[in-house]
């Protein structure tokens, strides 16, 4: 059964025509995941460690100072500044976020939010958007939707799922109708499944 990350799936369904088919082909034929080529891994790990240990946000600044990769040196300060902007004066307490898988048409999508944070008494399950490219409305709609569908039965009733545009320090919550949007998701997965054997 083909397995896609949430980011992979959104990258496919946000395209149309031949670029969509090309993206499916790229995903099928890419090399296996390697932490060494995961550009944002050190930032994600620093955030998780910081909150898990109840540390100070200054840890993020010191992480940036330790970078040696030129592209990370250019990109990471925007991530740190955006995250600290969102953090502001909020009191953040860590909990381990739930994970799960969405399956349809023989395709699996891993739903793995990075952060579980109690924010001033309200629990949030957060997926990070780290890229410099402006976030599209489609991502803002679809990522919280998939998180809600997959993770709701693993959450407390009052938990909220959200997508954080890290560089802008802006949090996006579920804003679409689950029932109607799920049909569109399943249609996209059927397309990927039908194309997968032929690329």
Protein backbone atom coordinates (compact mmCIF):
# COMPACT_ATOMS: atom_id res chain seq x y z
CA UNK A 1 0.00 0.00 0.00
CA UNK A 2 1.52 3.38 -0.99
CA UNK A 3 2.21 5.59 2.02
CA UNK A 4 2.28 9.38 1.78
CA UNK A 5 2.97 12.06 4.32
CA UNK A 6 0.34 14.73 4.83
CA UNK A 7 2.63 17.21 3.05
CA UNK A 8 3.04 14.80 0.11
CA UNK A 9 -0.71 14.44 -0.29
CA UNK A 10 -1.38 18.16 -0.13
CA UNK A 11 1.39 18.74 -2.70
CA UNK A 12 -0.43 16.37 -5.07
CA UNK A 13 -3.97 17.64 -4.65
CA UNK A 14 -2.98 21.30 -4.85
CA UNK A 15 -1.90 20.72 -8.48
CA UNK A 16 -3.97 20.00 -11.57
CA UNK A 17 -3.44 18.43 -14.97
CA UNK A 18 -0.02 17.10 -15.94
CA UNK A 19 1.80 18.70 -12.95
CA UNK A 20 -0.39 16.56 -10.67
CA UNK A 21 0.60 13.37 -12.50
CA UNK A 22 4.25 14.48 -12.44
CA UNK A 23 4.08 14.97 -8.68
CA UNK A 24 2.65 11.47 -8.18
CA UNK A 25 5.49 10.06 -10.29
CA UNK A 26 8.08 11.99 -8.24
CA UNK A 27 6.66 10.66 -4.98
CA UNK A 28 6.59 7.08 -6.20
CA UNK A 29 10.16 7.16 -7.51
CA UNK A 30 11.93 9.27 -4.92
CA UNK A 31 14.68 7.99 -2.66
CA UNK A 32 13.83 6.69 0.80
CA UNK A 33 13.53 9.30 3.55
CA UNK A 34 16.85 10.43 5.00
CA UNK A 35 17.12 12.71 8.05
CA UNK A 36 20.20 14.27 6.48
CA UNK A 37 18.09 15.76 3.68
CA UNK A 38 15.18 16.85 5.90
CA UNK A 39 15.74 20.61 5.81
CA UNK A 40 13.44 21.53 8.71
CA UNK A 41 14.20 18.58 10.99
CA UNK A 42 16.58 20.48 13.36
CA UNK A 43 13.99 23.25 13.81
CA UNK A 44 11.16 20.80 14.53
CA UNK A 45 13.30 18.85 16.96
CA UNK A 46 14.39 22.02 18.75
CA UNK A 47 10.76 23.09 19.23
CA UNK A 48 9.67 19.69 20.50
CA UNK A 49 12.61 19.44 22.89
CA UNK A 50 12.11 22.99 24.12
CA UNK A 51 8.45 22.47 24.99
CA UNK A 52 8.89 18.95 26.31
CA UNK A 53 11.53 20.17 28.75
CA UNK A 54 9.68 23.39 29.61
CA UNK A 55 12.65 25.43 28.40
CA UNK A 56 13.09 29.08 27.55
CA UNK A 57 12.54 30.42 24.03
CA UNK A 58 16.15 31.64 24.01
CA UNK A 59 17.03 28.01 23.16
CA UNK A 60 15.79 28.75 19.63
CA UNK A 61 18.19 31.67 19.24
CA UNK A 62 21.10 29.54 20.39
CA UNK A 63 20.11 26.82 17.90
CA UNK A 64 20.37 29.35 15.07
CA UNK A 65 23.84 30.40 16.22
CA UNK A 66 25.01 26.78 15.99
CA UNK A 67 23.93 26.33 12.35
CA UNK A 68 26.60 25.79 9.70
CA UNK A 69 24.46 25.16 6.59
CA UNK A 70 24.20 28.42 4.59
CA UNK A 71 20.56 27.83 3.57
CA UNK A 72 19.51 27.11 7.14
CA UNK A 73 21.40 30.21 8.35
CA UNK A 74 19.32 32.23 5.87
CA UNK A 75 15.96 30.53 6.57
CA UNK A 76 15.87 29.56 10.22
CA UNK A 77 15.85 33.08 11.74
CA UNK A 78 12.50 33.75 10.01
CA UNK A 79 11.12 30.53 11.51
CA UNK A 80 12.38 31.40 14.98
CA UNK A 81 11.08 34.96 14.82
CA UNK A 82 7.69 33.87 13.49
CA UNK A 83 7.35 31.19 16.15
CA UNK A 84 8.32 33.56 18.95
CA UNK A 85 5.80 36.07 17.57
CA UNK A 86 3.04 33.45 17.82
CA UNK A 87 4.25 32.38 21.28
CA UNK A 88 4.15 35.95 22.57
CA UNK A 89 3.15 35.90 26.24
CA UNK A 90 1.24 32.66 26.05
CA UNK A 91 1.86 30.04 28.71
CA UNK A 92 2.68 26.85 26.78
CA UNK A 93 2.74 23.36 28.32
CA UNK A 94 3.69 20.24 26.35
CA UNK A 95 1.67 17.07 25.83
CA UNK A 96 2.38 14.32 23.32
CA UNK A 97 0.21 14.90 20.23
CA UNK A 98 -1.77 11.97 18.84
CA UNK A 99 -0.88 10.45 15.48
CA UNK A 100 -2.81 8.40 13.00
CA UNK A 101 -3.36 7.33 9.41
CA UNK A 102 -6.02 8.16 6.86
CA UNK A 103 -6.70 5.32 4.42
CA UNK A 104 -8.75 5.26 1.25
CA UNK A 105 -8.41 3.60 -2.17
CA UNK A 106 -5.38 1.65 -0.99
CA UNK A 107 -3.42 4.82 -0.11
CA UNK A 108 -2.26 5.70 3.42
CA UNK A 109 -1.64 9.26 4.58
CA UNK A 110 0.32 9.67 7.80
CA UNK A 111 -1.09 12.37 10.07
CA UNK A 112 1.75 13.35 12.40
CA UNK A 113 1.36 16.76 14.05
CA UNK A 114 4.56 18.01 15.61
CA UNK A 115 3.23 19.79 18.69
CA UNK A 116 0.77 19.14 21.47
CA UNK A 117 0.51 22.32 23.51
CA UNK A 118 -1.76 23.48 26.26
CA UNK A 119 -2.06 27.18 25.51
CA UNK A 120 -3.31 29.16 28.49
CA UNK A 121 -5.43 26.17 29.51
CA UNK A 122 -6.68 25.14 26.03
CA UNK A 123 -5.14 22.09 24.35
CA UNK A 124 -3.98 22.49 20.74
CA UNK A 125 -2.67 19.82 18.38
CA UNK A 126 -0.48 21.66 15.89
CA UNK A 127 0.93 20.87 12.46
CA UNK A 128 3.73 23.21 11.40
CA UNK A 129 4.00 24.91 8.00
CA UNK A 130 7.64 25.93 7.73
CA UNK A 131 8.11 26.74 4.05
CA UNK A 132 8.90 30.22 2.74
CA UNK A 133 6.29 29.88 -0.03
CA UNK A 134 3.06 31.63 0.96
CA UNK A 135 0.57 29.18 2.40
CA UNK A 136 -2.41 28.52 0.15
CA UNK A 137 -6.03 28.54 1.25
CA UNK A 138 -6.20 24.93 0.11
CA UNK A 139 -3.57 23.90 2.68
CA UNK A 140 -5.29 26.00 5.33
CA UNK A 141 -8.51 24.09 4.61
CA UNK A 142 -7.23 20.55 4.05
CA UNK A 143 -4.58 20.04 6.73
CA UNK A 144 -6.84 20.78 9.73
CA UNK A 145 -9.58 18.76 8.00
CA UNK A 146 -7.45 15.61 7.79
CA UNK A 147 -6.19 16.13 11.32
CA UNK A 148 -9.77 16.42 12.60
CA UNK A 149 -10.97 13.31 10.73
CA UNK A 150 -8.07 11.11 11.82
CA UNK A 151 -7.26 12.38 15.29
CA UNK A 152 -10.62 13.31 16.81
CA UNK A 153 -11.19 9.94 18.48
CA UNK A 154 -7.68 10.11 19.98
CA UNK A 155 -8.26 13.58 21.46
CA UNK A 156 -10.00 15.04 24.44
CA UNK A 157 -13.38 16.49 23.53
CA UNK A 158 -12.23 20.11 23.88
CA UNK A 159 -8.94 19.67 21.97
CA UNK A 160 -8.54 21.75 18.82
CA UNK A 161 -6.45 20.91 15.76
CA UNK A 162 -4.63 23.67 13.92
CA UNK A 163 -2.06 24.51 11.27
CA UNK A 164 0.61 27.04 12.24
CA UNK A 165 2.10 29.19 9.49
CA UNK A 166 5.36 29.46 11.41
CA UNK A 167 7.03 32.35 9.56
CA UNK A 168 3.95 34.54 9.92
CA UNK A 169 3.15 33.35 13.43
CA UNK A 170 -0.45 32.67 12.41
CA UNK A 171 -2.61 29.76 13.56
CA UNK A 172 -5.35 28.35 11.30
CA UNK A 173 -8.20 26.21 12.66
CA UNK A 174 -10.66 23.87 10.93
CA UNK A 175 -12.91 26.02 8.74
CA UNK A 176 -14.55 23.67 6.21
CA UNK A 177 -17.48 21.27 6.31
CA UNK A 178 -16.10 17.85 7.18
CA UNK A 179 -18.73 15.73 5.41
CA UNK A 180 -18.61 17.43 2.01
CA UNK A 181 -14.83 17.97 2.05
CA UNK A 182 -14.18 14.31 2.84
CA UNK A 183 -15.76 13.29 -0.47
CA UNK A 184 -13.29 15.55 -2.29
CA UNK A 185 -10.36 14.05 -0.35
CA UNK A 186 -11.44 10.52 -1.19
CA UNK A 187 -11.80 11.40 -4.88
CA UNK A 188 -8.22 12.72 -4.87
CA UNK A 189 -6.96 9.52 -3.27
CA UNK A 190 -8.80 7.45 -5.87
CA UNK A 191 -6.99 9.46 -8.56
CA UNK A 192 -3.60 8.82 -6.93
CA UNK A 193 -4.39 5.12 -6.57
CA UNK A 194 -5.40 4.76 -10.23
CA UNK A 195 -2.29 6.57 -11.47
CA UNK A 196 0.26 5.00 -9.08
CA UNK A 197 0.84 1.68 -10.94
CA UNK A 198 1.45 3.49 -14.23
CA UNK A 199 4.09 6.11 -13.36
